[in-house]
């Protein structure tokens, strides 16, 4: 009886170790990380981007691989954190990226860009149609943008099954806006005292494994690619509420990644709406329309190094 119980424990131990190993190997299969490996991608405008794996480093007891990109990121408003992580870890739970700083930078850059559009748009509206009682009216919009994002981004958990969603990241953003008005006649004393308006955004993103798919690229055809979709859901709160009344919801993003076995990311597609500008009532600004940005990347060349100094290459 004792031997039988011992056998059961041995079986369970071996099974658990095997499951962990298989999980780890599955992650490595779809996200290889051997030092010296590189990938070359081309975006929708024909620009090339090269990703190379550098030596890893240990952070808080976890080993992270490092991606280096060429050219360097110049405009954070165009940064795609799903596709361009700097630090990532392949472990028993899956593929996790340490990119909280990058997510904060790109979200802040996008909101600042949208505030610049709002400022230009409202100024032009007043300049083209000044109120008769205040023909010399002018103003500036002073604003501050703050963003907080969790450090870990769950790119792909090993336990994921088709059409079972998981949380990838949580982002909180706050835009504080204050009008500075000039040229108000004395008889309208106090009309220039518009209270500070605060917009608070809560962005929750979820991932969803849609299944596998064959992907054709310039460098060849890849079978059994994991197709993963990332979708945001955003809520907005305005203080004071009466300063921004709209039925338009904040803009969202939809991102799709295709990961090929033993290669990694072979294709990327993203549609991103303006988070804040989409909430602007078009009745107040009939000439204004919020924008939707589309980004794509496709693999054109790669080399995957192996521990035996061999490689899987493509020209």
C-alpha atoms as a PDB file:
ATOM      1  CA  UNK A   1       0.000   0.000   0.000  1.00  0.00           C
ATOM      2  CA  UNK A   2       2.825   2.392   0.898  1.00  0.00           C
ATOM      3  CA  UNK A   3       4.596   1.595  -2.371  1.00  0.00           C
ATOM      4  CA  UNK A   4       1.375   2.234  -4.283  1.00  0.00           C
ATOM      5  CA  UNK A   5       0.965   5.650  -2.632  1.00  0.00           C
ATOM      6  CA  UNK A   6       4.621   6.445  -3.366  1.00  0.00           C
ATOM      7  CA  UNK A   7       4.060   5.506  -7.013  1.00  0.00           C
ATOM      8  CA  UNK A   8       1.103   7.870  -7.213  1.00  0.00           C
ATOM      9  CA  UNK A   9       3.167  10.718  -5.789  1.00  0.00           C
ATOM     10  CA  UNK A  10       6.024   9.968  -8.186  1.00  0.00           C
ATOM     11  CA  UNK A  11       3.567   9.980 -11.108  1.00  0.00           C
ATOM     12  CA  UNK A  12       2.042  13.275 -10.033  1.00  0.00           C
ATOM     13  CA  UNK A  13       5.465  14.833  -9.558  1.00  0.00           C
ATOM     14  CA  UNK A  14       6.704  13.711 -12.960  1.00  0.00           C
ATOM     15  CA  UNK A  15       3.428  14.812 -14.587  1.00  0.00           C
ATOM     16  CA  UNK A  16       3.586  18.270 -13.042  1.00  0.00           C
ATOM     17  CA  UNK A  17       7.206  18.697 -14.104  1.00  0.00           C
ATOM     18  CA  UNK A  18       6.398  17.531 -17.624  1.00  0.00           C
ATOM     19  CA  UNK A  19       3.470  19.933 -17.860  1.00  0.00           C
ATOM     20  CA  UNK A  20       5.671  22.815 -16.743  1.00  0.00           C
ATOM     21  CA  UNK A  21       8.336  21.855 -19.254  1.00  0.00           C
ATOM     22  CA  UNK A  22       5.823  21.573 -22.078  1.00  0.00           C
ATOM     23  CA  UNK A  23       4.338  24.949 -21.178  1.00  0.00           C
ATOM     24  CA  UNK A  24       7.755  26.587 -21.137  1.00  0.00           C
ATOM     25  CA  UNK A  25       8.752  24.973 -24.412  1.00  0.00           C
ATOM     26  CA  UNK A  26       5.473  26.031 -26.036  1.00  0.00           C
ATOM     27  CA  UNK A  27       6.188  29.656 -25.151  1.00  0.00           C
ATOM     28  CA  UNK A  28       9.732  29.391 -26.493  1.00  0.00           C
ATOM     29  CA  UNK A  29       8.418  27.819 -29.697  1.00  0.00           C
ATOM     30  CA  UNK A  30       6.252  30.834 -30.484  1.00  0.00           C
ATOM     31  CA  UNK A  31       8.627  33.438 -29.045  1.00  0.00           C
ATOM     32  CA  UNK A  32      12.232  32.239 -29.543  1.00  0.00           C
ATOM     33  CA  UNK A  33      14.785  34.281 -27.643  1.00  0.00           C
ATOM     34  CA  UNK A  34      18.301  33.101 -28.484  1.00  0.00           C
ATOM     35  CA  UNK A  35      20.968  35.794 -28.241  1.00  0.00           C
ATOM     36  CA  UNK A  36      21.839  37.231 -31.651  1.00  0.00           C
ATOM     37  CA  UNK A  37      18.576  36.350 -33.376  1.00  0.00           C
ATOM     38  CA  UNK A  38      17.069  39.104 -35.495  1.00  0.00           C
ATOM     39  CA  UNK A  39      13.926  39.965 -37.465  1.00  0.00           C
ATOM     40  CA  UNK A  40      13.384  42.590 -40.155  1.00  0.00           C
ATOM     41  CA  UNK A  41       9.886  44.018 -40.662  1.00  0.00           C
ATOM     42  CA  UNK A  42       8.312  46.473 -43.084  1.00  0.00           C
ATOM     43  CA  UNK A  43       5.462  48.782 -42.113  1.00  0.00           C
ATOM     44  CA  UNK A  44       2.531  50.105 -44.149  1.00  0.00           C
ATOM     45  CA  UNK A  45       4.666  52.960 -45.515  1.00  0.00           C
ATOM     46  CA  UNK A  46       7.560  50.766 -46.627  1.00  0.00           C
ATOM     47  CA  UNK A  47       9.815  51.648 -43.669  1.00  0.00           C
ATOM     48  CA  UNK A  48      12.074  48.905 -42.319  1.00  0.00           C
ATOM     49  CA  UNK A  49      12.460  47.995 -38.656  1.00  0.00           C
ATOM     50  CA  UNK A  50      15.075  45.556 -37.333  1.00  0.00           C
ATOM     51  CA  UNK A  51      14.669  43.776 -34.015  1.00  0.00           C
ATOM     52  CA  UNK A  52      17.679  42.033 -32.433  1.00  0.00           C
ATOM     53  CA  UNK A  53      17.938  40.047 -29.200  1.00  0.00           C
ATOM     54  CA  UNK A  54      20.639  41.254 -26.821  1.00  0.00           C
ATOM     55  CA  UNK A  55      21.916  39.590 -23.665  1.00  0.00           C
ATOM     56  CA  UNK A  56      19.253  39.341 -20.977  1.00  0.00           C
ATOM     57  CA  UNK A  57      19.211  40.735 -17.473  1.00  0.00           C
ATOM     58  CA  UNK A  58      17.682  39.777 -14.135  1.00  0.00           C
ATOM     59  CA  UNK A  59      15.044  42.054 -12.636  1.00  0.00           C
ATOM     60  CA  UNK A  60      13.421  41.266  -9.270  1.00  0.00           C
ATOM     61  CA  UNK A  61      14.519  37.644  -9.535  1.00  0.00           C
ATOM     62  CA  UNK A  62      13.101  37.182 -13.066  1.00  0.00           C
ATOM     63  CA  UNK A  63      15.258  36.823 -16.177  1.00  0.00           C
ATOM     64  CA  UNK A  64      14.217  39.074 -19.058  1.00  0.00           C
ATOM     65  CA  UNK A  65      15.415  38.987 -22.637  1.00  0.00           C
ATOM     66  CA  UNK A  66      16.152  42.319 -24.289  1.00  0.00           C
ATOM     67  CA  UNK A  67      14.989  43.493 -27.711  1.00  0.00           C
ATOM     68  CA  UNK A  68      16.995  46.211 -29.470  1.00  0.00           C
ATOM     69  CA  UNK A  69      15.375  48.125 -32.346  1.00  0.00           C
ATOM     70  CA  UNK A  70      16.814  49.986 -35.284  1.00  0.00           C
ATOM     71  CA  UNK A  71      15.954  52.737 -35.945  1.00  0.00           C
ATOM     72  CA  UNK A  72      15.270  54.018 -32.436  1.00  0.00           C
ATOM     73  CA  UNK A  73      11.776  55.085 -31.427  1.00  0.00           C
ATOM     74  CA  UNK A  74      11.394  58.811 -32.132  1.00  0.00           C
ATOM     75  CA  UNK A  75       7.652  59.389 -31.857  1.00  0.00           C
ATOM     76  CA  UNK A  76       6.011  57.657 -28.896  1.00  0.00           C
ATOM     77  CA  UNK A  77       2.575  58.490 -30.297  1.00  0.00           C
ATOM     78  CA  UNK A  78       3.269  55.924 -33.051  1.00  0.00           C
ATOM     79  CA  UNK A  79       4.681  53.279 -30.711  1.00  0.00           C
ATOM     80  CA  UNK A  80       2.938  49.874 -30.697  1.00  0.00           C
ATOM     81  CA  UNK A  81       3.716  48.213 -27.372  1.00  0.00           C
ATOM     82  CA  UNK A  82       2.293  44.823 -28.428  1.00  0.00           C
ATOM     83  CA  UNK A  83       4.843  44.618 -31.201  1.00  0.00           C
ATOM     84  CA  UNK A  84       7.807  46.564 -29.804  1.00  0.00           C
ATOM     85  CA  UNK A  85       8.513  45.400 -26.241  1.00  0.00           C
ATOM     86  CA  UNK A  86      11.997  46.055 -24.869  1.00  0.00           C
ATOM     87  CA  UNK A  87      11.966  43.471 -22.065  1.00  0.00           C
ATOM     88  CA  UNK A  88      10.154  40.148 -22.072  1.00  0.00           C
ATOM     89  CA  UNK A  89      10.193  36.905 -20.133  1.00  0.00           C
ATOM     90  CA  UNK A  90       9.274  33.384 -21.227  1.00  0.00           C
ATOM     91  CA  UNK A  91       8.352  31.373 -18.152  1.00  0.00           C
ATOM     92  CA  UNK A  92       5.937  28.692 -16.914  1.00  0.00           C
ATOM     93  CA  UNK A  93       3.001  31.113 -17.087  1.00  0.00           C
ATOM     94  CA  UNK A  94       3.626  32.314 -20.621  1.00  0.00           C
ATOM     95  CA  UNK A  95       5.102  35.358 -22.345  1.00  0.00           C
ATOM     96  CA  UNK A  96       5.167  38.485 -20.181  1.00  0.00           C
ATOM     97  CA  UNK A  97       6.544  41.872 -21.257  1.00  0.00           C
ATOM     98  CA  UNK A  98       7.896  44.427 -18.790  1.00  0.00           C
ATOM     99  CA  UNK A  99       6.709  47.535 -20.639  1.00  0.00           C
ATOM    100  CA  UNK A 100       4.760  49.683 -18.179  1.00  0.00           C
ATOM    101  CA  UNK A 101       7.001  52.709 -18.905  1.00  0.00           C
ATOM    102  CA  UNK A 102       6.545  52.307 -22.654  1.00  0.00           C
ATOM    103  CA  UNK A 103       2.752  52.048 -22.337  1.00  0.00           C
ATOM    104  CA  UNK A 104       2.686  55.204 -20.198  1.00  0.00           C
ATOM    105  CA  UNK A 105       4.852  57.110 -22.696  1.00  0.00           C
ATOM    106  CA  UNK A 106       2.782  56.166 -25.735  1.00  0.00           C
ATOM    107  CA  UNK A 107      -0.585  56.806 -24.030  1.00  0.00           C
ATOM    108  CA  UNK A 108       0.619  60.194 -22.790  1.00  0.00           C
ATOM    109  CA  UNK A 109       2.050  61.110 -26.203  1.00  0.00           C
ATOM    110  CA  UNK A 110      -1.248  60.214 -27.918  1.00  0.00           C
ATOM    111  CA  UNK A 111      -3.311  62.288 -25.470  1.00  0.00           C
ATOM    112  CA  UNK A 112      -0.966  65.283 -25.772  1.00  0.00           C
ATOM    113  CA  UNK A 113      -1.224  65.060 -29.553  1.00  0.00           C
ATOM    114  CA  UNK A 114      -5.022  65.042 -29.279  1.00  0.00           C
ATOM    115  CA  UNK A 115      -4.994  68.024 -26.902  1.00  0.00           C
ATOM    116  CA  UNK A 116      -2.899  69.939 -29.438  1.00  0.00           C
ATOM    117  CA  UNK A 117      -5.553  69.209 -32.073  1.00  0.00           C
ATOM    118  CA  UNK A 118      -8.333  70.338 -29.700  1.00  0.00           C
ATOM    119  CA  UNK A 119      -6.492  73.588 -28.902  1.00  0.00           C
ATOM    120  CA  UNK A 120      -5.919  74.398 -32.570  1.00  0.00           C
ATOM    121  CA  UNK A 121      -9.500  73.492 -33.467  1.00  0.00           C
ATOM    122  CA  UNK A 122     -11.182  75.621 -30.765  1.00  0.00           C
ATOM    123  CA  UNK A 123      -8.917  78.608 -31.419  1.00  0.00           C
ATOM    124  CA  UNK A 124      -9.729  78.537 -35.111  1.00  0.00           C
ATOM    125  CA  UNK A 125     -13.444  78.332 -34.342  1.00  0.00           C
ATOM    126  CA  UNK A 126     -13.293  81.461 -32.155  1.00  0.00           C
ATOM    127  CA  UNK A 127     -11.052  83.347 -34.597  1.00  0.00           C
ATOM    128  CA  UNK A 128     -13.386  82.598 -37.515  1.00  0.00           C
ATOM    129  CA  UNK A 129     -16.538  83.448 -35.556  1.00  0.00           C
ATOM    130  CA  UNK A 130     -15.708  85.910 -32.743  1.00  0.00           C
ATOM    131  CA  UNK A 131     -18.681  86.823 -30.526  1.00  0.00           C
ATOM    132  CA  UNK A 132     -20.002  90.350 -31.316  1.00  0.00           C
ATOM    133  CA  UNK A 133     -19.828  91.376 -27.661  1.00  0.00           C
ATOM    134  CA  UNK A 134     -16.157  90.311 -27.407  1.00  0.00           C
ATOM    135  CA  UNK A 135     -14.470  90.841 -30.804  1.00  0.00           C
ATOM    136  CA  UNK A 136     -10.987  90.722 -29.250  1.00  0.00           C
ATOM    137  CA  UNK A 137     -11.553  87.461 -27.431  1.00  0.00           C
ATOM    138  CA  UNK A 138      -8.569  85.115 -27.335  1.00  0.00           C
ATOM    139  CA  UNK A 139      -7.545  82.207 -25.152  1.00  0.00           C
ATOM    140  CA  UNK A 140      -5.051  79.434 -24.433  1.00  0.00           C
ATOM    141  CA  UNK A 141      -5.704  75.950 -23.129  1.00  0.00           C
ATOM    142  CA  UNK A 142      -3.334  74.895 -20.375  1.00  0.00           C
ATOM    143  CA  UNK A 143      -3.361  71.162 -19.797  1.00  0.00           C
ATOM    144  CA  UNK A 144      -1.530  68.404 -17.985  1.00  0.00           C
ATOM    145  CA  UNK A 145      -1.550  64.705 -18.837  1.00  0.00           C
ATOM    146  CA  UNK A 146      -0.750  61.936 -16.334  1.00  0.00           C
ATOM    147  CA  UNK A 147      -0.735  58.204 -17.098  1.00  0.00           C
ATOM    148  CA  UNK A 148      -0.243  55.121 -14.937  1.00  0.00           C
ATOM    149  CA  UNK A 149       0.056  51.588 -16.303  1.00  0.00           C
ATOM    150  CA  UNK A 150       0.882  48.274 -14.685  1.00  0.00           C
ATOM    151  CA  UNK A 151       4.428  47.067 -15.344  1.00  0.00           C
ATOM    152  CA  UNK A 152       3.591  43.603 -16.685  1.00  0.00           C
ATOM    153  CA  UNK A 153       1.869  43.069 -20.016  1.00  0.00           C
ATOM    154  CA  UNK A 154       0.483  39.541 -20.471  1.00  0.00           C
ATOM    155  CA  UNK A 155       1.215  38.949 -24.143  1.00  0.00           C
ATOM    156  CA  UNK A 156       0.248  35.279 -24.127  1.00  0.00           C
ATOM    157  CA  UNK A 157      -0.500  32.994 -21.153  1.00  0.00           C
ATOM    158  CA  UNK A 158       0.268  29.329 -21.741  1.00  0.00           C
ATOM    159  CA  UNK A 159      -3.091  28.350 -20.247  1.00  0.00           C
ATOM    160  CA  UNK A 160      -4.954  30.333 -22.919  1.00  0.00           C
ATOM    161  CA  UNK A 161      -7.497  28.399 -24.951  1.00  0.00           C
ATOM    162  CA  UNK A 162      -9.307  29.596 -28.091  1.00  0.00           C
ATOM    163  CA  UNK A 163     -11.865  32.346 -27.392  1.00  0.00           C
ATOM    164  CA  UNK A 164     -11.009  32.494 -23.689  1.00  0.00           C
ATOM    165  CA  UNK A 165     -10.040  36.077 -22.847  1.00  0.00           C
ATOM    166  CA  UNK A 166      -7.399  37.249 -20.382  1.00  0.00           C
ATOM    167  CA  UNK A 167      -6.479  40.688 -19.023  1.00  0.00           C
ATOM    168  CA  UNK A 168      -3.307  42.051 -20.600  1.00  0.00           C
ATOM    169  CA  UNK A 169      -2.924  45.432 -18.928  1.00  0.00           C
ATOM    170  CA  UNK A 170      -4.703  48.218 -17.051  1.00  0.00           C
ATOM    171  CA  UNK A 171      -4.104  51.898 -17.856  1.00  0.00           C
ATOM    172  CA  UNK A 172      -5.301  54.983 -15.980  1.00  0.00           C
ATOM    173  CA  UNK A 173      -4.991  58.389 -17.633  1.00  0.00           C
ATOM    174  CA  UNK A 174      -5.972  61.855 -16.414  1.00  0.00           C
ATOM    175  CA  UNK A 175      -6.166  65.042 -18.485  1.00  0.00           C
ATOM    176  CA  UNK A 176      -6.512  68.300 -16.525  1.00  0.00           C
ATOM    177  CA  UNK A 177      -7.554  71.246 -18.716  1.00  0.00           C
ATOM    178  CA  UNK A 178      -7.900  74.959 -17.889  1.00  0.00           C
ATOM    179  CA  UNK A 179      -8.952  77.768 -20.239  1.00  0.00           C
ATOM    180  CA  UNK A 180      -6.994  81.042 -19.994  1.00  0.00           C
ATOM    181  CA  UNK A 181      -9.290  83.636 -21.610  1.00  0.00           C
ATOM    182  CA  UNK A 182      -8.349  87.192 -22.625  1.00  0.00           C
ATOM    183  CA  UNK A 183     -10.272  90.069 -24.134  1.00  0.00           C
ATOM    184  CA  UNK A 184     -13.470  89.706 -22.107  1.00  0.00           C
ATOM    185  CA  UNK A 185     -15.278  93.084 -21.664  1.00  0.00           C
ATOM    186  CA  UNK A 186     -15.562  94.485 -18.137  1.00  0.00           C
ATOM    187  CA  UNK A 187     -19.351  94.138 -18.171  1.00  0.00           C
ATOM    188  CA  UNK A 188     -18.881  90.365 -18.464  1.00  0.00           C
ATOM    189  CA  UNK A 189     -16.723  90.201 -15.366  1.00  0.00           C
ATOM    190  CA  UNK A 190     -16.350  86.581 -14.253  1.00  0.00           C
ATOM    191  CA  UNK A 191     -17.160  85.102 -17.652  1.00  0.00           C
ATOM    192  CA  UNK A 192     -13.510  84.223 -18.112  1.00  0.00           C
ATOM    193  CA  UNK A 193     -13.450  82.093 -14.955  1.00  0.00           C
ATOM    194  CA  UNK A 194     -14.057  78.660 -16.412  1.00  0.00           C
ATOM    195  CA  UNK A 195     -13.315  75.921 -13.883  1.00  0.00           C
ATOM    196  CA  UNK A 196     -10.612  73.343 -14.440  1.00  0.00           C
ATOM    197  CA  UNK A 197     -11.969  70.339 -16.310  1.00  0.00           C
ATOM    198  CA  UNK A 198     -10.641  66.889 -15.467  1.00  0.00           C
ATOM    199  CA  UNK A 199     -11.029  63.859 -17.728  1.00  0.00           C
ATOM    200  CA  UNK A 200     -10.285  60.485 -16.179  1.00  0.00           C
ATOM    201  CA  UNK A 201      -9.893  57.447 -18.444  1.00  0.00           C
ATOM    202  CA  UNK A 202      -9.770  53.815 -17.324  1.00  0.00           C
ATOM    203  CA  UNK A 203      -8.500  51.524 -20.077  1.00  0.00           C
ATOM    204  CA  UNK A 204      -8.720  47.771 -19.705  1.00  0.00           C
ATOM    205  CA  UNK A 205      -7.251  45.623 -22.441  1.00  0.00           C
ATOM    206  CA  UNK A 206      -7.979  41.937 -22.976  1.00  0.00           C
ATOM    207  CA  UNK A 207      -6.302  39.332 -25.130  1.00  0.00           C
ATOM    208  CA  UNK A 208      -8.075  36.575 -27.008  1.00  0.00           C
ATOM    209  CA  UNK A 209      -6.528  33.577 -28.771  1.00  0.00           C
ATOM    210  CA  UNK A 210      -8.617  33.230 -31.927  1.00  0.00           C
ATOM    211  CA  UNK A 211      -6.949  29.994 -33.062  1.00  0.00           C
ATOM    212  CA  UNK A 212      -4.331  29.155 -35.690  1.00  0.00           C
ATOM    213  CA  UNK A 213      -3.970  30.447 -39.225  1.00  0.00           C
ATOM    214  CA  UNK A 214      -1.660  30.221 -42.242  1.00  0.00           C
ATOM    215  CA  UNK A 215       0.034  33.553 -42.953  1.00  0.00           C
ATOM    216  CA  UNK A 216       1.653  34.586 -46.219  1.00  0.00           C
ATOM    217  CA  UNK A 217       4.441  37.174 -46.046  1.00  0.00           C
ATOM    218  CA  UNK A 218       7.174  38.501 -48.319  1.00  0.00           C
ATOM    219  CA  UNK A 219       9.592  36.053 -46.759  1.00  0.00           C
ATOM    220  CA  UNK A 220       7.350  32.993 -47.165  1.00  0.00           C
ATOM    221  CA  UNK A 221       4.288  31.172 -45.906  1.00  0.00           C
ATOM    222  CA  UNK A 222       3.982  30.231 -42.240  1.00  0.00           C
ATOM    223  CA  UNK A 223       1.562  27.548 -41.099  1.00  0.00           C
ATOM    224  CA  UNK A 224      -0.052  27.028 -37.674  1.00  0.00           C
ATOM    225  CA  UNK A 225       0.430  30.640 -36.615  1.00  0.00           C
ATOM    226  CA  UNK A 226      -1.244  31.667 -33.376  1.00  0.00           C
ATOM    227  CA  UNK A 227      -3.673  34.490 -34.105  1.00  0.00           C
ATOM    228  CA  UNK A 228      -4.109  36.691 -31.034  1.00  0.00           C
ATOM    229  CA  UNK A 229      -6.422  39.681 -30.759  1.00  0.00           C
ATOM    230  CA  UNK A 230      -6.056  42.496 -28.206  1.00  0.00           C
ATOM    231  CA  UNK A 231      -9.011  44.829 -27.628  1.00  0.00           C
ATOM    232  CA  UNK A 232      -9.356  47.828 -25.298  1.00  0.00           C
ATOM    233  CA  UNK A 233     -12.438  48.910 -23.352  1.00  0.00           C
ATOM    234  CA  UNK A 234     -12.377  52.505 -22.077  1.00  0.00           C
ATOM    235  CA  UNK A 235     -14.543  54.429 -19.639  1.00  0.00           C
ATOM    236  CA  UNK A 236     -14.409  58.190 -19.084  1.00  0.00           C
ATOM    237  CA  UNK A 237     -15.443  60.390 -16.157  1.00  0.00           C
ATOM    238  CA  UNK A 238     -15.574  64.196 -16.374  1.00  0.00           C
ATOM    239  CA  UNK A 239     -15.348  66.617 -13.439  1.00  0.00           C
ATOM    240  CA  UNK A 240     -17.380  68.783 -13.283  1.00  0.00           C
ATOM    241  CA  UNK A 241     -19.785  66.702 -15.413  1.00  0.00           C
ATOM    242  CA  UNK A 242     -21.590  69.634 -17.039  1.00  0.00           C
ATOM    243  CA  UNK A 243     -18.396  70.874 -18.693  1.00  0.00           C
ATOM    244  CA  UNK A 244     -18.291  68.048 -21.250  1.00  0.00           C
ATOM    245  CA  UNK A 245     -21.600  66.501 -22.213  1.00  0.00           C
ATOM    246  CA  UNK A 246     -21.397  63.909 -24.967  1.00  0.00           C
ATOM    247  CA  UNK A 247     -22.919  60.605 -25.963  1.00  0.00           C
ATOM    248  CA  UNK A 248     -19.799  59.586 -27.883  1.00  0.00           C
ATOM    249  CA  UNK A 249     -17.707  56.932 -26.115  1.00  0.00           C
ATOM    250  CA  UNK A 250     -13.891  57.196 -25.920  1.00  0.00           C
ATOM    251  CA  UNK A 251     -11.920  55.693 -28.785  1.00  0.00           C
ATOM    252  CA  UNK A 252     -10.685  52.113 -28.653  1.00  0.00           C
ATOM    253  CA  UNK A 253      -7.951  50.021 -30.252  1.00  0.00           C
ATOM    254  CA  UNK A 254      -7.946  46.594 -31.883  1.00  0.00           C
ATOM    255  CA  UNK A 255      -4.608  44.842 -32.347  1.00  0.00           C
ATOM    256  CA  UNK A 256      -3.870  41.489 -33.989  1.00  0.00           C
ATOM    257  CA  UNK A 257      -0.637  39.492 -33.782  1.00  0.00           C
ATOM    258  CA  UNK A 258       0.335  36.377 -35.723  1.00  0.00           C
ATOM    259  CA  UNK A 259       3.056  34.225 -34.086  1.00  0.00           C
ATOM    260  CA  UNK A 260       4.657  31.451 -36.150  1.00  0.00           C
ATOM    261  CA  UNK A 261       6.254  28.342 -34.572  1.00  0.00           C
ATOM    262  CA  UNK A 262      10.042  28.690 -34.185  1.00  0.00           C
ATOM    263  CA  UNK A 263       9.940  32.189 -35.683  1.00  0.00           C
ATOM    264  CA  UNK A 264       7.838  34.503 -33.504  1.00  0.00           C
ATOM    265  CA  UNK A 265       5.845  37.505 -34.726  1.00  0.00           C
ATOM    266  CA  UNK A 266       5.396  37.394 -38.509  1.00  0.00           C
ATOM    267  CA  UNK A 267       2.576  39.905 -38.877  1.00  0.00           C
ATOM    268  CA  UNK A 268       1.011  42.788 -36.933  1.00  0.00           C
ATOM    269  CA  UNK A 269      -2.111  44.856 -37.587  1.00  0.00           C
ATOM    270  CA  UNK A 270      -3.617  47.604 -35.436  1.00  0.00           C
ATOM    271  CA  UNK A 271      -6.498  50.085 -35.677  1.00  0.00           C
ATOM    272  CA  UNK A 272      -6.463  52.828 -33.030  1.00  0.00           C
ATOM    273  CA  UNK A 273      -9.129  55.483 -32.547  1.00  0.00           C
ATOM    274  CA  UNK A 274      -8.529  58.821 -30.813  1.00  0.00           C
ATOM    275  CA  UNK A 275      -9.210  58.171 -27.128  1.00  0.00           C
ATOM    276  CA  UNK A 276     -10.270  61.709 -26.181  1.00  0.00           C
ATOM    277  CA  UNK A 277     -11.116  63.429 -29.479  1.00  0.00           C
ATOM    278  CA  UNK A 278     -13.752  60.823 -30.308  1.00  0.00           C
ATOM    279  CA  UNK A 279     -15.807  62.142 -27.368  1.00  0.00           C
ATOM    280  CA  UNK A 280     -16.015  65.657 -28.858  1.00  0.00           C
ATOM    281  CA  UNK A 281     -19.616  66.373 -29.970  1.00  0.00           C
ATOM    282  CA  UNK A 282     -19.609  66.850 -33.745  1.00  0.00           C
ATOM    283  CA  UNK A 283     -22.556  69.261 -33.423  1.00  0.00           C
ATOM    284  CA  UNK A 284     -20.228  71.764 -31.746  1.00  0.00           C
ATOM    285  CA  UNK A 285     -17.452  71.225 -34.297  1.00  0.00           C
ATOM    286  CA  UNK A 286     -19.147  70.190 -37.560  1.00  0.00           C
ATOM    287  CA  UNK A 287     -15.887  70.324 -39.533  1.00  0.00           C
ATOM    288  CA  UNK A 288     -14.068  68.065 -37.092  1.00  0.00           C
ATOM    289  CA  UNK A 289     -13.810  64.303 -37.328  1.00  0.00           C
ATOM    290  CA  UNK A 290     -11.739  62.139 -35.005  1.00  0.00           C
ATOM    291  CA  UNK A 291      -9.151  59.961 -36.680  1.00  0.00           C
ATOM    292  CA  UNK A 292      -8.350  56.256 -36.750  1.00  0.00           C
ATOM    293  CA  UNK A 293      -4.711  55.243 -37.190  1.00  0.00           C
ATOM    294  CA  UNK A 294      -3.802  51.982 -38.919  1.00  0.00           C
ATOM    295  CA  UNK A 295      -0.406  50.357 -38.390  1.00  0.00           C
ATOM    296  CA  UNK A 296       0.907  47.177 -40.006  1.00  0.00           C
ATOM    297  CA  UNK A 297       4.185  45.276 -39.883  1.00  0.00           C
ATOM    298  CA  UNK A 298       5.141  42.227 -41.933  1.00  0.00           C
ATOM    299  CA  UNK A 299       8.223  40.026 -41.647  1.00  0.00           C
ATOM    300  CA  UNK A 300      10.671  40.354 -44.563  1.00  0.00           C
ATOM    301  CA  UNK A 301      13.805  38.647 -43.221  1.00  0.00           C
ATOM    302  CA  UNK A 302      14.938  36.821 -40.073  1.00  0.00           C
ATOM    303  CA  UNK A 303      17.559  34.626 -38.467  1.00  0.00           C
ATOM    304  CA  UNK A 304      16.901  32.516 -35.371  1.00  0.00           C
ATOM    305  CA  UNK A 305      20.056  31.437 -33.580  1.00  0.00           C
ATOM    306  CA  UNK A 306      20.228  28.128 -31.731  1.00  0.00           C
ATOM    307  CA  UNK A 307      22.279  27.046 -28.750  1.00  0.00           C
ATOM    308  CA  UNK A 308      24.337  24.818 -31.067  1.00  0.00           C
ATOM    309  CA  UNK A 309      25.446  27.909 -33.031  1.00  0.00           C
ATOM    310  CA  UNK A 310      23.221  26.844 -35.908  1.00  0.00           C
ATOM    311  CA  UNK A 311      20.477  29.054 -37.218  1.00  0.00           C
ATOM    312  CA  UNK A 312      17.162  29.191 -39.010  1.00  0.00           C
ATOM    313  CA  UNK A 313      17.529  31.903 -41.625  1.00  0.00           C
ATOM    314  CA  UNK A 314      15.552  33.495 -44.388  1.00  0.00           C
ATOM    315  CA  UNK A 315      16.560  36.032 -47.012  1.00  0.00           C
END
